[in-house]
C-alpha atoms as a PDB file:
ATOM      1  CA  MET A   1      -5.665   6.723 -11.185  1.00  0.00           C
ATOM      2  CA  THR A   2      -3.818   6.673  -8.209  1.00  0.00           C
ATOM      3  CA  PHE A   3      -0.678   6.076  -6.670  1.00  0.00           C
ATOM      4  CA  VAL A   4       0.745   2.701  -5.561  1.00  0.00           C
ATOM      5  CA  VAL A   5       3.940   1.237  -3.676  1.00  0.00           C
ATOM      6  CA  GLY A   6       6.301  -0.616  -5.248  1.00  0.00           C
ATOM      7  CA  ALA A   7       8.936  -3.321  -4.379  1.00  0.00           C
ATOM      8  CA  ALA A   8      11.016  -0.416  -3.069  1.00  0.00           C
ATOM      9  CA  CYS A   9       8.726  -0.241   0.518  1.00  0.00           C
ATOM     10  CA  VAL A  10       9.004  -4.269   0.810  1.00  0.00           C
ATOM     11  CA  ASP A  11      10.603  -4.371   4.339  1.00  0.00           C
ATOM     12  CA  VAL A  12      11.425  -0.861   4.608  1.00  0.00           C
ATOM     13  CA  LEU A  13       8.051   0.896   5.883  1.00  0.00           C
ATOM     14  CA  ASP A  14       9.688   4.079   6.565  1.00  0.00           C
ATOM     15  CA  ARG A  15       5.540   5.216   6.981  1.00  0.00           C
ATOM     16  CA  ALA A  16       6.438   8.776   5.875  1.00  0.00           C
ATOM     17  CA  CYS A  17       4.014   8.681   3.808  1.00  0.00           C
ATOM     18  CA  VAL A  18       1.476   7.905   6.485  1.00  0.00           C
ATOM     19  CA  GLU A  19       2.128  10.764   8.188  1.00  0.00           C
ATOM     20  CA  GLU A  20       1.815  12.674   4.726  1.00  0.00           C
ATOM     21  CA  CYS A  21      -1.332  11.303   3.781  1.00  0.00           C
ATOM     22  CA  PRO A  22      -4.316  13.900   4.360  1.00  0.00           C
ATOM     23  CA  ILE A  23      -7.044  11.548   3.630  1.00  0.00           C
ATOM     24  CA  ASP A  24      -5.125   8.565   6.170  1.00  0.00           C
ATOM     25  CA  CYS A  25      -5.540   5.974   3.134  1.00  0.00           C
ATOM     26  CA  ILE A  26      -2.069   4.452   4.010  1.00  0.00           C
ATOM     27  CA  PHE A  27      -2.501   1.182   5.515  1.00  0.00           C
ATOM     28  CA  ILE A  28       0.584  -0.762   7.126  1.00  0.00           C
ATOM     29  CA  GLY A  29       0.889  -4.553   6.404  1.00  0.00           C
ATOM     30  CA  ASP A  30       3.702  -6.865   7.564  1.00  0.00           C
ATOM     31  CA  ARG A  31       6.300  -6.057   4.925  1.00  0.00           C
ATOM     32  CA  MET A  32       4.875  -2.464   3.020  1.00  0.00           C
ATOM     33  CA  ALA A  33       2.445   0.091   2.825  1.00  0.00           C
ATOM     34  CA  TYR A  34      -0.477  -0.036   1.020  1.00  0.00           C
ATOM     35  CA  ILE A  35      -2.783   2.986  -0.703  1.00  0.00           C
ATOM     36  CA  GLN A  36      -6.339   2.174  -0.781  1.00  0.00           C
ATOM     37  CA  PRO A  37      -7.213   2.690  -4.354  1.00  0.00           C
ATOM     38  CA  ASP A  38     -10.641   4.782  -4.059  1.00  0.00           C
ATOM     39  CA  GLU A  39     -10.046   6.107  -1.076  1.00  0.00           C
ATOM     40  CA  CYS A  40      -6.991   7.899  -2.297  1.00  0.00           C
ATOM     41  CA  ILE A  41      -7.405  11.216  -3.749  1.00  0.00           C
ATOM     42  CA  ASP A  42      -4.443  11.329  -6.300  1.00  0.00           C
ATOM     43  CA  CYS A  43      -2.711  14.477  -4.344  1.00  0.00           C
ATOM     44  CA  GLY A  44       0.363  13.187  -4.484  1.00  0.00           C
ATOM     45  CA  ALA A  45       1.944  14.229  -1.016  1.00  0.00           C
ATOM     46  CA  CYS A  46       2.796  10.951  -0.058  1.00  0.00           C
ATOM     47  CA  GLU A  47       5.382  10.495  -2.983  1.00  0.00           C
ATOM     48  CA  PRO A  48       8.011  13.330  -2.046  1.00  0.00           C
ATOM     49  CA  VAL A  49       8.521  12.086   1.520  1.00  0.00           C
ATOM     50  CA  CYS A  50       8.898   8.426   0.537  1.00  0.00           C
ATOM     51  CA  PRO A  51      13.034   8.018   1.252  1.00  0.00           C
ATOM     52  CA  VAL A  52      13.100   4.582  -1.014  1.00  0.00           C
ATOM     53  CA  GLU A  53      10.743   6.097  -3.480  1.00  0.00           C
ATOM     54  CA  ALA A  54       8.474   3.221  -3.917  1.00  0.00           C
ATOM     55  CA  ILE A  55       5.318   5.151  -4.411  1.00  0.00           C
ATOM     56  CA  TYR A  56       4.076   5.913  -8.116  1.00  0.00           C
ATOM     57  CA  PHE A  57       0.873   6.933 -10.158  1.00  0.00           C
ATOM     58  CA  GLU A  58      -0.058   3.068 -11.032  1.00  0.00           C
ATOM     59  CA  ASP A  59       0.674   4.022 -14.259  1.00  0.00           C
ATOM     60  CA  ASP A  60       4.220   4.559 -13.760  1.00  0.00           C
ATOM     61  CA  ILE A  61       5.290   1.636 -11.940  1.00  0.00           C
ATOM     62  CA  PRO A  62       8.240   0.760 -12.890  1.00  0.00           C
ATOM     63  CA  ALA A  63       8.657  -2.428 -15.895  1.00  0.00           C
ATOM     64  CA  GLY A  64       9.266  -5.635 -13.523  1.00  0.00           C
ATOM     65  CA  GLN A  65       6.574  -4.272 -10.869  1.00  0.00           C
ATOM     66  CA  GLU A  66       3.291  -4.257 -12.368  1.00  0.00           C
ATOM     67  CA  GLN A  67       2.431  -7.004 -10.223  1.00  0.00           C
ATOM     68  CA  PHE A  68       2.606  -4.278  -7.208  1.00  0.00           C
ATOM     69  CA  VAL A  69       0.047  -2.637  -8.712  1.00  0.00           C
ATOM     70  CA  ILE A  70      -2.610  -5.338  -8.532  1.00  0.00           C
ATOM     71  CA  GLU A  71      -1.230  -6.500  -4.986  1.00  0.00           C
ATOM     72  CA  ASN A  72      -2.046  -2.579  -3.675  1.00  0.00           C
ATOM     73  CA  ALA A  73      -5.308  -3.343  -4.948  1.00  0.00           C
ATOM     74  CA  ARG A  74      -6.153  -7.080  -3.454  1.00  0.00           C
ATOM     75  CA  PHE A  75      -4.878  -5.836   0.132  1.00  0.00           C
ATOM     76  CA  PHE A  76      -8.021  -4.483   0.018  1.00  0.00           C
ATOM     77  CA  THR A  77     -10.726  -6.996  -1.982  1.00  0.00           C
ATOM     78  CA  GLU A  78      -9.708 -10.437  -1.117  1.00  0.00           C
ATOM     79  CA  PRO A  79      -9.549 -11.528   2.480  1.00  0.00           C
ATOM     80  CA  LEU A  80      -5.930 -11.525   3.500  1.00  0.00           C
ATOM     81  CA  PRO A  81      -4.539 -14.288   5.096  1.00  0.00           C
ATOM     82  CA  GLY A  82      -5.852 -14.946   8.548  1.00  0.00           C
ATOM     83  CA  ARG A  83      -9.154 -13.286   7.813  1.00  0.00           C
ATOM     84  CA  GLN A  84     -12.328 -14.340   6.577  1.00  0.00           C
ATOM     85  CA  THR A  85     -13.899 -11.190   4.693  1.00  0.00           C
ATOM     86  CA  PRO A  86     -11.860  -8.550   2.855  1.00  0.00           C
ATOM     87  CA  LEU A  87     -10.736  -5.230   4.341  1.00  0.00           C
ATOM     88  CA  GLY A  88     -12.550  -3.236   2.172  1.00  0.00           C
ATOM     89  CA  GLN A  89     -13.222   0.551   2.398  1.00  0.00           C
ATOM     90  CA  PRO A  90     -12.301   0.633   6.557  1.00  0.00           C
ATOM     91  CA  GLY A  91     -12.005   4.299   6.370  1.00  0.00           C
ATOM     92  CA  ALA A  92      -8.835   6.080   8.645  1.00  0.00           C
ATOM     93  CA  ALA A  93      -5.855   3.690   8.359  1.00  0.00           C
ATOM     94  CA  ALA A  94      -4.935   5.159  11.846  1.00  0.00           C
ATOM     95  CA  GLY A  95      -8.062   3.839  13.304  1.00  0.00           C
ATOM     96  CA  VAL A  96      -7.157   0.158  11.949  1.00  0.00           C
ATOM     97  CA  GLY A  97      -3.482   0.606  12.748  1.00  0.00           C
ATOM     98  CA  ALA A  98      -0.781  -1.612  11.799  1.00  0.00           C
ATOM     99  CA  LEU A  99      -2.189  -5.251  10.376  1.00  0.00           C
ATOM    100  CA  GLY A 100       0.560  -7.243  10.568  1.00  0.00           C
ATOM    101  CA  VAL A 101      -0.932  -9.319   7.349  1.00  0.00           C
ATOM    102  CA  ASP A 102       0.792  -8.906   3.455  1.00  0.00           C
ATOM    103  CA  THR A 103      -1.087 -10.752   0.735  1.00  0.00           C
ATOM    104  CA  VAL A 104       0.769 -13.464  -0.406  1.00  0.00           C
ATOM    105  CA  PHE A 105       2.561 -12.658  -3.469  1.00  0.00           C
ATOM    106  CA  VAL A 106       3.892 -10.064  -0.759  1.00  0.00           C
ATOM    107  CA  GLN A 107       4.681 -12.619   1.904  1.00  0.00           C
ATOM    108  CA  GLU A 108       6.731 -14.561  -0.109  1.00  0.00           C
ATOM    109  CA  TYR A 109       8.072 -11.676  -2.395  1.00  0.00           C
ATOM    110  CA  GLN A 110      12.114 -11.995  -2.833  1.00  0.00           C
ATOM    111  CA  PRO A 111      13.473  -8.582  -3.479  1.00  0.00           C
END
């Protein structure tokens, strides 16, 4: 089980979670942040600092937001719009920087 970012993050991107993550596995898209599920160590440091309470254990995501579990994984496992290859496990998010792109679902998501 890993942490995932839900709907409340869309168009907010406070980034307090990024600063708090001890292993630097929270990546910034265009409209929201994504947690790399294979790198997340489930420490929970990101959850309490999120000002919009958008971070959940994947099994605790609120009803109606289940697609965000899929999108958090898809961000790393499938090519994003404008990219030829998946992001995969790039390591430290700080070294990658803001990617400026989201999954198609998040691009089209209407809160």
